PDB file of N, CA and C in Angstrom:
ATOM      1  N   MET A   1     -20.945  23.921  24.996  1.00  0.00           N
ATOM      2  CA  MET A   1     -22.113  23.068  25.000  1.00  0.00           C
ATOM      3  C   MET A   1     -22.259  22.385  26.355  1.00  0.00           C
ATOM      4  N   SER A   2     -21.133  21.854  26.900  1.00  0.00           N
ATOM      5  CA  SER A   2     -21.242  21.146  28.178  1.00  0.00           C
ATOM      6  C   SER A   2     -21.691  22.083  29.293  1.00  0.00           C
ATOM      7  N   LYS A   3     -21.237  23.325  29.260  1.00  0.00           N
ATOM      8  CA  LYS A   3     -21.647  24.302  30.275  1.00  0.00           C
ATOM      9  C   LYS A   3     -23.154  24.532  30.194  1.00  0.00           C
ATOM     10  N   GLN A   4     -23.664  24.653  29.023  1.00  0.00           N
ATOM     11  CA  GLN A   4     -25.091  24.893  28.824  1.00  0.00           C
ATOM     12  C   GLN A   4     -25.923  23.720  29.363  1.00  0.00           C
ATOM     13  N   ILE A   5     -25.418  22.494  29.135  1.00  0.00           N
ATOM     14  CA  ILE A   5     -26.141  21.315  29.613  1.00  0.00           C
ATOM     15  C   ILE A   5     -26.140  21.261  31.139  1.00  0.00           C
ATOM     16  N   THR A   6     -24.973  21.462  31.748  1.00  0.00           N
ATOM     17  CA  THR A   6     -24.895  21.387  33.224  1.00  0.00           C
ATOM     18  C   THR A   6     -25.648  22.520  33.881  1.00  0.00           C
ATOM     19  N   GLU A   7     -25.611  23.696  33.294  1.00  0.00           N
ATOM     20  CA  GLU A   7     -26.357  24.826  33.871  1.00  0.00           C
ATOM     21  C   GLU A   7     -27.865  24.591  33.811  1.00  0.00           C
ATOM     22  N   ALA A   8     -28.295  23.723  32.918  1.00  0.00           N
ATOM     23  CA  ALA A   8     -29.717  23.393  32.823  1.00  0.00           C
ATOM     24  C   ALA A   8     -30.090  22.291  33.813  1.00  0.00           C
ATOM     25  N   GLY A   9     -29.096  21.841  34.611  1.00  0.00           N
ATOM     26  CA  GLY A   9     -29.365  20.831  35.619  1.00  0.00           C
ATOM     27  C   GLY A   9     -29.409  19.412  35.080  1.00  0.00           C
ATOM     28  N   ILE A  10     -28.835  19.210  33.923  1.00  0.00           N
ATOM     29  CA  ILE A  10     -28.832  17.876  33.309  1.00  0.00           C
ATOM     30  C   ILE A  10     -27.456  17.246  33.529  1.00  0.00           C
ATOM     31  N   LYS A  11     -27.450  15.953  33.915  1.00  0.00           N
ATOM     32  CA  LYS A  11     -26.191  15.220  34.102  1.00  0.00           C
ATOM     33  C   LYS A  11     -25.445  15.170  32.763  1.00  0.00           C
ATOM     34  N   LEU A  12     -24.194  15.547  32.788  1.00  0.00           N
ATOM     35  CA  LEU A  12     -23.391  15.585  31.563  1.00  0.00           C
ATOM     36  C   LEU A  12     -22.857  14.194  31.240  1.00  0.00           C
ATOM     37  N   LEU A  13     -23.219  13.693  30.109  1.00  0.00           N
ATOM     38  CA  LEU A  13     -22.717  12.420  29.591  1.00  0.00           C
ATOM     39  C   LEU A  13     -22.059  12.717  28.245  1.00  0.00           C
ATOM     40  N   TYR A  14     -20.733  12.692  28.223  1.00  0.00           N
ATOM     41  CA  TYR A  14     -19.991  13.076  27.022  1.00  0.00           C
ATOM     42  C   TYR A  14     -19.209  11.877  26.485  1.00  0.00           C
ATOM     43  N   GLU A  15     -19.419  11.527  25.246  1.00  0.00           N
ATOM     44  CA  GLU A  15     -18.731  10.438  24.548  1.00  0.00           C
ATOM     45  C   GLU A  15     -18.679   9.167  25.386  1.00  0.00           C
ATOM     46  N   THR A  16     -19.811   8.753  25.888  1.00  0.00           N
ATOM     47  CA  THR A  16     -19.877   7.559  26.737  1.00  0.00           C
ATOM     48  C   THR A  16     -20.175   6.289  25.955  1.00  0.00           C
ATOM     49  N   ASP A  17     -20.747   6.404  24.789  1.00  0.00           N
ATOM     50  CA  ASP A  17     -21.139   5.228  24.017  1.00  0.00           C
ATOM     51  C   ASP A  17     -20.400   5.174  22.687  1.00  0.00           C
ATOM     52  N   ARG A  18     -20.359   3.967  22.116  1.00  0.00           N
ATOM     53  CA  ARG A  18     -19.795   3.771  20.781  1.00  0.00           C
ATOM     54  C   ARG A  18     -20.879   3.144  19.907  1.00  0.00           C
ATOM     55  N   VAL A  19     -21.030   3.662  18.742  1.00  0.00           N
ATOM     56  CA  VAL A  19     -21.999   3.136  17.784  1.00  0.00           C
ATOM     57  C   VAL A  19     -21.206   2.442  16.685  1.00  0.00           C
ATOM     58  N   HIS A  20     -21.395   1.147  16.566  1.00  0.00           N
ATOM     59  CA  HIS A  20     -20.663   0.387  15.561  1.00  0.00           C
ATOM     60  C   HIS A  20     -21.373   0.467  14.216  1.00  0.00           C
ATOM     61  N   TYR A  21     -20.582   0.533  13.179  1.00  0.00           N
ATOM     62  CA  TYR A  21     -21.130   0.523  11.826  1.00  0.00           C
ATOM     63  C   TYR A  21     -20.110  -0.112  10.897  1.00  0.00           C
ATOM     64  N   VAL A  22     -20.574  -0.574   9.767  1.00  0.00           N
ATOM     65  CA  VAL A  22     -19.723  -1.232   8.788  1.00  0.00           C
ATOM     66  C   VAL A  22     -19.675  -0.372   7.540  1.00  0.00           C
ATOM     67  N   ILE A  23     -18.477  -0.132   7.091  1.00  0.00           N
ATOM     68  CA  ILE A  23     -18.324   0.551   5.812  1.00  0.00           C
ATOM     69  C   ILE A  23     -18.513  -0.517   4.740  1.00  0.00           C
ATOM     70  N   PRO A  24     -19.451  -0.331   3.861  1.00  0.00           N
ATOM     71  CA  PRO A  24     -19.714  -1.369   2.854  1.00  0.00           C
ATOM     72  C   PRO A  24     -18.473  -1.669   2.024  1.00  0.00           C
ATOM     73  N   SER A  25     -18.242  -2.948   1.828  1.00  0.00           N
ATOM     74  CA  SER A  25     -17.097  -3.345   1.017  1.00  0.00           C
ATOM     75  C   SER A  25     -17.534  -3.481  -0.436  1.00  0.00           C
ATOM     76  N   ARG A  26     -16.549  -3.433  -1.285  1.00  0.00           N
ATOM     77  CA  ARG A  26     -16.833  -3.658  -2.696  1.00  0.00           C
ATOM     78  C   ARG A  26     -15.675  -4.450  -3.275  1.00  0.00           C
ATOM     79  N   GLU A  27     -16.009  -5.361  -4.132  1.00  0.00           N
ATOM     80  CA  GLU A  27     -14.979  -6.140  -4.790  1.00  0.00           C
ATOM     81  C   GLU A  27     -14.474  -5.343  -5.976  1.00  0.00           C
ATOM     82  N   THR A  28     -13.170  -5.356  -6.153  1.00  0.00           N
ATOM     83  CA  THR A  28     -12.581  -4.616  -7.255  1.00  0.00           C
ATOM     84  C   THR A  28     -11.435  -5.427  -7.837  1.00  0.00           C
ATOM     85  N   LYS A  29     -10.817  -4.919  -8.873  1.00  0.00           N
ATOM     86  CA  LYS A  29      -9.728  -5.626  -9.543  1.00  0.00           C
ATOM     87  C   LYS A  29      -8.508  -4.723  -9.652  1.00  0.00           C
ATOM     88  N   TYR A  30      -7.365  -5.354  -9.696  1.00  0.00           N
ATOM     89  CA  TYR A  30      -6.089  -4.662  -9.859  1.00  0.00           C
ATOM     90  C   TYR A  30      -5.387  -5.290 -11.055  1.00  0.00           C
ATOM     91  N   THR A  31      -4.878  -4.482 -11.944  1.00  0.00           N
ATOM     92  CA  THR A  31      -4.166  -4.971 -13.120  1.00  0.00           C
ATOM     93  C   THR A  31      -2.703  -4.559 -13.023  1.00  0.00           C
ATOM     94  N   PRO A  32      -1.810  -5.502 -12.705  1.00  0.00           N
ATOM     95  CA  PRO A  32      -0.377  -5.173 -12.620  1.00  0.00           C
ATOM     96  C   PRO A  32       0.176  -4.756 -13.980  1.00  0.00           C
ATOM     97  N   ASP A  33       1.240  -3.959 -13.942  1.00  0.00           N
ATOM     98  CA  ASP A  33       1.842  -3.473 -15.189  1.00  0.00           C
ATOM     99  C   ASP A  33       2.476  -4.595 -16.010  1.00  0.00           C
ATOM    100  N   PHE A  34       3.389  -5.356 -15.407  1.00  0.00           N
ATOM    101  CA  PHE A  34       4.143  -6.382 -16.140  1.00  0.00           C
ATOM    102  C   PHE A  34       4.105  -7.697 -15.385  1.00  0.00           C
ATOM    103  N   LYS A  35       4.107  -8.792 -16.144  1.00  0.00           N
ATOM    104  CA  LYS A  35       4.158 -10.142 -15.578  1.00  0.00           C
ATOM    105  C   LYS A  35       5.380 -10.825 -16.167  1.00  0.00           C
ATOM    106  N   LEU A  36       6.279 -11.290 -15.307  1.00  0.00           N
ATOM    107  CA  LEU A  36       7.512 -11.938 -15.745  1.00  0.00           C
ATOM    108  C   LEU A  36       7.616 -13.329 -15.125  1.00  0.00           C
ATOM    109  N   PRO A  37       8.200 -14.270 -15.867  1.00  0.00           N
ATOM    110  CA  PRO A  37       8.356 -15.622 -15.322  1.00  0.00           C
ATOM    111  C   PRO A  37       9.467 -15.668 -14.274  1.00  0.00           C
ATOM    112  N   LYS A  38       9.357 -16.628 -13.377  1.00  0.00           N
ATOM    113  CA  LYS A  38      10.415 -16.908 -12.412  1.00  0.00           C
ATOM    114  C   LYS A  38      10.326 -18.389 -12.085  1.00  0.00           C
ATOM    115  N   PRO A  39      11.362 -18.961 -11.508  1.00  0.00           N
ATOM    116  CA  PRO A  39      11.297 -20.377 -11.143  1.00  0.00           C
ATOM    117  C   PRO A  39      10.074 -20.656 -10.255  1.00  0.00           C
ATOM    118  N   GLY A  40       9.257 -21.574 -10.689  1.00  0.00           N
ATOM    119  CA  GLY A  40       8.080 -21.949  -9.921  1.00  0.00           C
ATOM    120  C   GLY A  40       6.867 -21.065 -10.130  1.00  0.00           C
ATOM    121  N   GLY A  41       6.950 -20.115 -11.045  1.00  0.00           N
ATOM    122  CA  GLY A  41       5.782 -19.257 -11.260  1.00  0.00           C
ATOM    123  C   GLY A  41       6.093 -17.967 -12.001  1.00  0.00           C
ATOM    124  N   PHE A  42       5.721 -16.861 -11.403  1.00  0.00           N
ATOM    125  CA  PHE A  42       5.891 -15.564 -12.041  1.00  0.00           C
ATOM    126  C   PHE A  42       5.925 -14.475 -10.965  1.00  0.00           C
ATOM    127  N   PHE A  43       6.320 -13.284 -11.388  1.00  0.00           N
ATOM    128  CA  PHE A  43       6.224 -12.118 -10.519  1.00  0.00           C
ATOM    129  C   PHE A  43       5.711 -10.943 -11.329  1.00  0.00           C
ATOM    130  N   TYR A  44       5.104 -10.006 -10.624  1.00  0.00           N
ATOM    131  CA  TYR A  44       4.598  -8.790 -11.245  1.00  0.00           C
ATOM    132  C   TYR A  44       5.542  -7.637 -10.951  1.00  0.00           C
ATOM    133  N   VAL A  45       5.615  -6.717 -11.902  1.00  0.00           N
ATOM    134  CA  VAL A  45       6.385  -5.494 -11.705  1.00  0.00           C
ATOM    135  C   VAL A  45       5.434  -4.319 -11.909  1.00  0.00           C
ATOM    136  N   GLU A  46       5.373  -3.485 -10.923  1.00  0.00           N
ATOM    137  CA  GLU A  46       4.525  -2.294 -10.951  1.00  0.00           C
ATOM    138  C   GLU A  46       5.446  -1.076 -11.023  1.00  0.00           C
ATOM    139  N   THR A  47       5.286  -0.256 -12.054  1.00  0.00           N
ATOM    140  CA  THR A  47       6.108   0.950 -12.194  1.00  0.00           C
ATOM    141  C   THR A  47       5.329   2.139 -11.638  1.00  0.00           C
ATOM    142  N   LYS A  48       6.021   2.942 -10.843  1.00  0.00           N
ATOM    143  CA  LYS A  48       5.345   4.056 -10.188  1.00  0.00           C
ATOM    144  C   LYS A  48       6.177   5.325 -10.264  1.00  0.00           C
ATOM    145  N   GLY A  49       5.501   6.396 -10.667  1.00  0.00           N
ATOM    146  CA  GLY A  49       6.053   7.735 -10.533  1.00  0.00           C
ATOM    147  C   GLY A  49       5.500   8.285  -9.229  1.00  0.00           C
ATOM    148  N   LEU A  50       4.242   8.643  -9.261  1.00  0.00           N
ATOM    149  CA  LEU A  50       3.539   9.095  -8.070  1.00  0.00           C
ATOM    150  C   LEU A  50       2.871   7.882  -7.431  1.00  0.00           C
ATOM    151  N   TRP A  51       3.108   7.683  -6.131  1.00  0.00           N
ATOM    152  CA  TRP A  51       2.525   6.550  -5.407  1.00  0.00           C
ATOM    153  C   TRP A  51       1.575   7.114  -4.368  1.00  0.00           C
ATOM    154  N   THR A  52       0.328   7.229  -4.736  1.00  0.00           N
ATOM    155  CA  THR A  52      -0.671   7.913  -3.919  1.00  0.00           C
ATOM    156  C   THR A  52      -1.082   7.076  -2.711  1.00  0.00           C
ATOM    157  N   VAL A  53      -1.744   7.728  -1.772  1.00  0.00           N
ATOM    158  CA  VAL A  53      -2.251   7.029  -0.589  1.00  0.00           C
ATOM    159  C   VAL A  53      -3.233   5.935  -1.014  1.00  0.00           C
ATOM    160  N   GLN A  54      -3.999   6.182  -2.064  1.00  0.00           N
ATOM    161  CA  GLN A  54      -4.934   5.164  -2.561  1.00  0.00           C
ATOM    162  C   GLN A  54      -4.181   3.957  -3.122  1.00  0.00           C
ATOM    163  N   ASP A  55      -3.089   4.215  -3.856  1.00  0.00           N
ATOM    164  CA  ASP A  55      -2.262   3.126  -4.384  1.00  0.00           C
ATOM    165  C   ASP A  55      -1.671   2.297  -3.247  1.00  0.00           C
ATOM    166  N   ARG A  56      -1.148   2.986  -2.242  1.00  0.00           N
ATOM    167  CA  ARG A  56      -0.542   2.271  -1.105  1.00  0.00           C
ATOM    168  C   ARG A  56      -1.585   1.431  -0.381  1.00  0.00           C
ATOM    169  N   ALA A  57      -2.765   1.983  -0.170  1.00  0.00           N
ATOM    170  CA  ALA A  57      -3.833   1.245   0.502  1.00  0.00           C
ATOM    171  C   ALA A  57      -4.225   0.012  -0.319  1.00  0.00           C
ATOM    172  N   LYS A  58      -4.329   0.186  -1.639  1.00  0.00           N
ATOM    173  CA  LYS A  58      -4.666  -0.929  -2.523  1.00  0.00           C
ATOM    174  C   LYS A  58      -3.638  -2.041  -2.398  1.00  0.00           C
ATOM    175  N   HIS A  59      -2.363  -1.677  -2.432  1.00  0.00           N
ATOM    176  CA  HIS A  59      -1.316  -2.700  -2.379  1.00  0.00           C
ATOM    177  C   HIS A  59      -1.227  -3.356  -1.010  1.00  0.00           C
ATOM    178  N   MET A  60      -1.557  -2.644   0.039  1.00  0.00           N
ATOM    179  CA  MET A  60      -1.610  -3.276   1.363  1.00  0.00           C
ATOM    180  C   MET A  60      -2.732  -4.310   1.392  1.00  0.00           C
ATOM    181  N   LEU A  61      -3.889  -3.983   0.822  1.00  0.00           N
ATOM    182  CA  LEU A  61      -5.002  -4.931   0.769  1.00  0.00           C
ATOM    183  C   LEU A  61      -4.649  -6.147  -0.080  1.00  0.00           C
ATOM    184  N   VAL A  62      -4.054  -5.917  -1.241  1.00  0.00           N
ATOM    185  CA  VAL A  62      -3.663  -7.023  -2.127  1.00  0.00           C
ATOM    186  C   VAL A  62      -2.661  -7.922  -1.401  1.00  0.00           C
ATOM    187  N   LYS A  63      -1.696  -7.320  -0.738  1.00  0.00           N
ATOM    188  CA  LYS A  63      -0.671  -8.084  -0.014  1.00  0.00           C
ATOM    189  C   LYS A  63      -1.301  -8.943   1.087  1.00  0.00           C
ATOM    190  N   ARG A  64      -2.228  -8.377   1.836  1.00  0.00           N
ATOM    191  CA  ARG A  64      -2.891  -9.123   2.914  1.00  0.00           C
ATOM    192  C   ARG A  64      -3.784 -10.238   2.367  1.00  0.00           C
ATOM    193  N   GLN A  65      -4.499  -9.962   1.293  1.00  0.00           N
ATOM    194  CA  GLN A  65      -5.466 -10.918   0.769  1.00  0.00           C
ATOM    195  C   GLN A  65      -4.842 -11.970  -0.157  1.00  0.00           C
ATOM    196  N   HIS A  66      -3.652 -11.672  -0.683  1.00  0.00           N
ATOM    197  CA  HIS A  66      -2.959 -12.587  -1.594  1.00  0.00           C
ATOM    198  C   HIS A  66      -1.479 -12.637  -1.223  1.00  0.00           C
ATOM    199  N   PRO A  67      -1.147 -13.186  -0.052  1.00  0.00           N
ATOM    200  CA  PRO A  67       0.257 -13.151   0.410  1.00  0.00           C
ATOM    201  C   PRO A  67       1.223 -13.916  -0.489  1.00  0.00           C
ATOM    202  N   GLY A  68       0.720 -14.822  -1.326  1.00  0.00           N
ATOM    203  CA  GLY A  68       1.605 -15.586  -2.209  1.00  0.00           C
ATOM    204  C   GLY A  68       1.961 -14.895  -3.515  1.00  0.00           C
ATOM    205  N   ILE A  69       1.324 -13.777  -3.800  1.00  0.00           N
ATOM    206  CA  ILE A  69       1.618 -13.062  -5.040  1.00  0.00           C
ATOM    207  C   ILE A  69       2.862 -12.194  -4.847  1.00  0.00           C
ATOM    208  N   ASP A  70       3.775 -12.301  -5.792  1.00  0.00           N
ATOM    209  CA  ASP A  70       5.041 -11.562  -5.757  1.00  0.00           C
ATOM    210  C   ASP A  70       4.874 -10.298  -6.611  1.00  0.00           C
ATOM    211  N   ILE A  71       4.697  -9.166  -5.954  1.00  0.00           N
ATOM    212  CA  ILE A  71       4.589  -7.877  -6.651  1.00  0.00           C
ATOM    213  C   ILE A  71       5.794  -7.030  -6.260  1.00  0.00           C
ATOM    214  N   ARG A  72       6.495  -6.536  -7.264  1.00  0.00           N
ATOM    215  CA  ARG A  72       7.689  -5.717  -7.037  1.00  0.00           C
ATOM    216  C   ARG A  72       7.464  -4.344  -7.677  1.00  0.00           C
ATOM    217  N   PHE A  73       8.069  -3.348  -7.089  1.00  0.00           N
ATOM    218  CA  PHE A  73       7.878  -1.976  -7.551  1.00  0.00           C
ATOM    219  C   PHE A  73       9.167  -1.410  -8.125  1.00  0.00           C
ATOM    220  N   ILE A  74       9.009  -0.615  -9.159  1.00  0.00           N
ATOM    221  CA  ILE A  74      10.116   0.197  -9.656  1.00  0.00           C
ATOM    222  C   ILE A  74       9.625   1.635  -9.620  1.00  0.00           C
ATOM    223  N   PHE A  75      10.299   2.427  -8.812  1.00  0.00           N
ATOM    224  CA  PHE A  75       9.918   3.824  -8.646  1.00  0.00           C
ATOM    225  C   PHE A  75      10.788   4.729  -9.504  1.00  0.00           C
ATOM    226  N   SER A  76      10.196   5.795 -10.000  1.00  0.00           N
ATOM    227  CA  SER A  76      10.987   6.782 -10.732  1.00  0.00           C
ATOM    228  C   SER A  76      11.897   7.522  -9.756  1.00  0.00           C
ATOM    229  N   ASN A  77      11.536   7.526  -8.463  1.00  0.00           N
ATOM    230  CA  ASN A  77      12.375   8.111  -7.414  1.00  0.00           C
ATOM    231  C   ASN A  77      12.003   7.470  -6.086  1.00  0.00           C
ATOM    232  N   GLN A  78      12.786   6.502  -5.652  1.00  0.00           N
ATOM    233  CA  GLN A  78      12.497   5.810  -4.395  1.00  0.00           C
ATOM    234  C   GLN A  78      12.642   6.729  -3.188  1.00  0.00           C
ATOM    235  N   ASN A  79      13.267   7.878  -3.377  1.00  0.00           N
ATOM    236  CA  ASN A  79      13.451   8.830  -2.275  1.00  0.00           C
ATOM    237  C   ASN A  79      12.362   9.889  -2.216  1.00  0.00           C
ATOM    238  N   ALA A  80      11.362   9.769  -3.084  1.00  0.00           N
ATOM    239  CA  ALA A  80      10.237  10.703  -3.039  1.00  0.00           C
ATOM    240  C   ALA A  80       9.497  10.507  -1.720  1.00  0.00           C
ATOM    241  N   LYS A  81       8.988  11.584  -1.165  1.00  0.00           N
ATOM    242  CA  LYS A  81       8.249  11.531   0.098  1.00  0.00           C
ATOM    243  C   LYS A  81       6.815  11.080  -0.156  1.00  0.00           C
ATOM    244  N   LEU A  82       6.223  10.416   0.825  1.00  0.00           N
ATOM    245  CA  LEU A  82       4.848   9.954   0.693  1.00  0.00           C
ATOM    246  C   LEU A  82       3.890  11.110   0.456  1.00  0.00           C
ATOM    247  N   TYR A  83       4.162  12.233   1.073  1.00  0.00           N
ATOM    248  CA  TYR A  83       3.389  13.461   0.885  1.00  0.00           C
ATOM    249  C   TYR A  83       4.275  14.616   1.290  1.00  0.00           C
ATOM    250  N   LYS A  84       3.914  15.812   0.918  1.00  0.00           N
ATOM    251  CA  LYS A  84       4.720  16.987   1.216  1.00  0.00           C
ATOM    252  C   LYS A  84       4.956  17.095   2.725  1.00  0.00           C
ATOM    253  N   GLY A  85       6.197  17.174   3.110  1.00  0.00           N
ATOM    254  CA  GLY A  85       6.554  17.288   4.519  1.00  0.00           C
ATOM    255  C   GLY A  85       6.703  15.966   5.245  1.00  0.00           C
ATOM    256  N   SER A  86       6.424  14.860   4.566  1.00  0.00           N
ATOM    257  CA  SER A  86       6.535  13.543   5.205  1.00  0.00           C
ATOM    258  C   SER A  86       7.998  13.187   5.444  1.00  0.00           C
ATOM    259  N   PRO A  87       8.304  12.553   6.569  1.00  0.00           N
ATOM    260  CA  PRO A  87       9.666  12.065   6.770  1.00  0.00           C
ATOM    261  C   PRO A  87       9.907  10.734   6.064  1.00  0.00           C
ATOM    262  N   THR A  88       8.844  10.122   5.556  1.00  0.00           N
ATOM    263  CA  THR A  88       8.932   8.781   4.980  1.00  0.00           C
ATOM    264  C   THR A  88       8.989   8.824   3.458  1.00  0.00           C
ATOM    265  N   THR A  89       9.954   8.098   2.913  1.00  0.00           N
ATOM    266  CA  THR A  89      10.093   7.993   1.462  1.00  0.00           C
ATOM    267  C   THR A  89       9.378   6.726   0.979  1.00  0.00           C
ATOM    268  N   TYR A  90       9.218   6.614  -0.328  1.00  0.00           N
ATOM    269  CA  TYR A  90       8.624   5.410  -0.910  1.00  0.00           C
ATOM    270  C   TYR A  90       9.429   4.175  -0.499  1.00  0.00           C
ATOM    271  N   GLY A  91      10.741   4.288  -0.578  1.00  0.00           N
ATOM    272  CA  GLY A  91      11.605   3.165  -0.199  1.00  0.00           C
ATOM    273  C   GLY A  91      11.456   2.778   1.261  1.00  0.00           C
ATOM    274  N   MET A  92      11.387   3.774   2.132  1.00  0.00           N
ATOM    275  CA  MET A  92      11.211   3.498   3.558  1.00  0.00           C
ATOM    276  C   MET A  92       9.881   2.795   3.814  1.00  0.00           C
ATOM    277  N   TYR A  93       8.837   3.234   3.125  1.00  0.00           N
ATOM    278  CA  TYR A  93       7.515   2.617   3.265  1.00  0.00           C
ATOM    279  C   TYR A  93       7.581   1.148   2.833  1.00  0.00           C
ATOM    280  N   CYS A  94       8.243   0.884   1.702  1.00  0.00           N
ATOM    281  CA  CYS A  94       8.379  -0.490   1.220  1.00  0.00           C
ATOM    282  C   CYS A  94       9.153  -1.349   2.211  1.00  0.00           C
ATOM    283  N   ASP A  95      10.239  -0.810   2.734  1.00  0.00           N
ATOM    284  CA  ASP A  95      11.025  -1.556   3.724  1.00  0.00           C
ATOM    285  C   ASP A  95      10.168  -1.899   4.942  1.00  0.00           C
ATOM    286  N   LYS A  96       9.416  -0.947   5.408  1.00  0.00           N
ATOM    287  CA  LYS A  96       8.575  -1.151   6.595  1.00  0.00           C
ATOM    288  C   LYS A  96       7.506  -2.208   6.369  1.00  0.00           C
ATOM    289  N   HIS A  97       6.935  -2.249   5.163  1.00  0.00           N
ATOM    290  CA  HIS A  97       5.807  -3.134   4.897  1.00  0.00           C
ATOM    291  C   HIS A  97       6.177  -4.376   4.078  1.00  0.00           C
ATOM    292  N   GLY A  98       7.453  -4.579   3.840  1.00  0.00           N
ATOM    293  CA  GLY A  98       7.902  -5.805   3.178  1.00  0.00           C
ATOM    294  C   GLY A  98       7.673  -5.869   1.685  1.00  0.00           C
ATOM    295  N   PHE A  99       7.645  -4.711   1.022  1.00  0.00           N
ATOM    296  CA  PHE A  99       7.524  -4.683  -0.429  1.00  0.00           C
ATOM    297  C   PHE A  99       8.920  -4.677  -1.045  1.00  0.00           C
ATOM    298  N   VAL A 100       9.093  -5.436  -2.123  1.00  0.00           N
ATOM    299  CA  VAL A 100      10.354  -5.454  -2.860  1.00  0.00           C
ATOM    300  C   VAL A 100      10.296  -4.312  -3.871  1.00  0.00           C
ATOM    301  N   TYR A 101      11.393  -3.556  -3.980  1.00  0.00           N
ATOM    302  CA  TYR A 101      11.381  -2.399  -4.883  1.00  0.00           C
ATOM    303  C   TYR A 101      12.760  -2.121  -5.444  1.00  0.00           C
ATOM    304  N   ALA A 102      12.766  -1.302  -6.479  1.00  0.00           N
ATOM    305  CA  ALA A 102      14.004  -0.842  -7.103  1.00  0.00           C
ATOM    306  C   ALA A 102      13.804   0.607  -7.521  1.00  0.00           C
ATOM    307  N   ASN A 103      14.918   1.251  -7.838  1.00  0.00           N
ATOM    308  CA  ASN A 103      14.885   2.658  -8.230  1.00  0.00           C
ATOM    309  C   ASN A 103      15.208   2.804  -9.714  1.00  0.00           C
ATOM    310  N   LYS A 104      14.319   3.358 -10.465  1.00  0.00           N
ATOM    311  CA  LYS A 104      14.465   3.771 -11.865  1.00  0.00           C
ATOM    312  C   LYS A 104      14.540   2.644 -12.891  1.00  0.00           C
ATOM    313  N   VAL A 105      15.307   1.627 -12.645  1.00  0.00           N
ATOM    314  CA  VAL A 105      15.455   0.536 -13.613  1.00  0.00           C
ATOM    315  C   VAL A 105      15.261  -0.812 -12.926  1.00  0.00           C
ATOM    316  N   MET A 106      14.929  -1.805 -13.753  1.00  0.00           N
ATOM    317  CA  MET A 106      14.765  -3.145 -13.205  1.00  0.00           C
ATOM    318  C   MET A 106      16.143  -3.722 -12.891  1.00  0.00           C
ATOM    319  N   PRO A 107      16.321  -4.244 -11.690  1.00  0.00           N
ATOM    320  CA  PRO A 107      17.615  -4.843 -11.340  1.00  0.00           C
ATOM    321  C   PRO A 107      17.952  -6.023 -12.248  1.00  0.00           C
ATOM    322  N   GLN A 108      19.225  -6.174 -12.528  1.00  0.00           N
ATOM    323  CA  GLN A 108      19.683  -7.279 -13.375  1.00  0.00           C
ATOM    324  C   GLN A 108      19.271  -8.629 -12.794  1.00  0.00           C
ATOM    325  N   GLU A 109      19.219  -8.736 -11.459  1.00  0.00           N
ATOM    326  CA  GLU A 109      18.822  -9.998 -10.826  1.00  0.00           C
ATOM    327  C   GLU A 109      17.399 -10.393 -11.220  1.00  0.00           C
ATOM    328  N   TRP A 110      16.520  -9.397 -11.305  1.00  0.00           N
ATOM    329  CA  TRP A 110      15.134  -9.677 -11.692  1.00  0.00           C
ATOM    330  C   TRP A 110      15.086 -10.162 -13.135  1.00  0.00           C
ATOM    331  N   LEU A 111      15.871  -9.504 -13.999  1.00  0.00           N
ATOM    332  CA  LEU A 111      15.897  -9.897 -15.410  1.00  0.00           C
ATOM    333  C   LEU A 111      16.474 -11.303 -15.576  1.00  0.00           C
ATOM    334  N   LYS A 112      17.554 -11.596 -14.831  1.00  0.00           N
ATOM    335  CA  LYS A 112      18.150 -12.933 -14.900  1.00  0.00           C
ATOM    336  C   LYS A 112      17.166 -13.996 -14.414  1.00  0.00           C
ATOM    337  N   GLU A 113      16.439 -13.673 -13.364  1.00  0.00           N
ATOM    338  CA  GLU A 113      15.427 -14.572 -12.833  1.00  0.00           C
ATOM    339  C   GLU A 113      14.389 -14.910 -13.902  1.00  0.00           C
ATOM    340  N   ALA A 114      13.963 -13.891 -14.642  1.00  0.00           N
ATOM    341  CA  ALA A 114      12.967 -14.091 -15.695  1.00  0.00           C
ATOM    342  C   ALA A 114      13.578 -14.811 -16.898  1.00  0.00           C
ATOM    343  N   GLN A 115      14.824 -14.483 -17.241  1.00  0.00           N
ATOM    344  CA  GLN A 115      15.474 -15.098 -18.399  1.00  0.00           C
ATOM    345  C   GLN A 115      15.665 -16.599 -18.204  1.00  0.00           C
ATOM    346  N   CYS A 116      15.914 -17.021 -16.976  1.00  0.00           N
ATOM    347  CA  CYS A 116      16.103 -18.449 -16.697  1.00  0.00           C
ATOM    348  C   CYS A 116      14.875 -19.256 -17.089  1.00  0.00           C
ATOM    349  N   GLN A 117      13.726 -18.671 -16.999  1.00  0.00           N
ATOM    350  CA  GLN A 117      12.489 -19.369 -17.328  1.00  0.00           C
ATOM    351  C   GLN A 117      12.208 -19.365 -18.829  1.00  0.00           C
ATOM    352  N   ASN A 118      12.853 -18.469 -19.576  1.00  0.00           N
ATOM    353  CA  ASN A 118      12.619 -18.381 -21.021  1.00  0.00           C
ATOM    354  C   ASN A 118      13.541 -19.305 -21.809  1.00  0.00           C
ATOM    355  N   GLU A 119      14.511 -19.886 -21.152  1.00  0.00           N
ATOM    356  CA  GLU A 119      15.496 -20.728 -21.876  1.00  0.00           C
ATOM    357  C   GLU A 119      14.988 -22.133 -22.055  1.00  0.00           C
TER     358      GLU A 119
END
């Protein structure tokens, strides 16, 4: 294409401008799986088998928009890859982005934390 333009005697201007646009936002809701008490409030537990790119994006938005909410994950396999061929596992992603997680079962510490509030 550029050859055709220059051969026609026209000054070539390629990717010189940026056109700004806004992707329309929409308000939505997220329903956590479990809500457990803890000292001073509560925490949510989200159980995940498959953790899709959409799920990860949702949780990044929730984390940014509600930094005081305590959401913890329990994965059926924390060593599962984000996608086929990915070097990153679910656990690695959580570590990188500051998500609390566990593998397969709820840690006893989480249960003790919740039990203290039920007494």
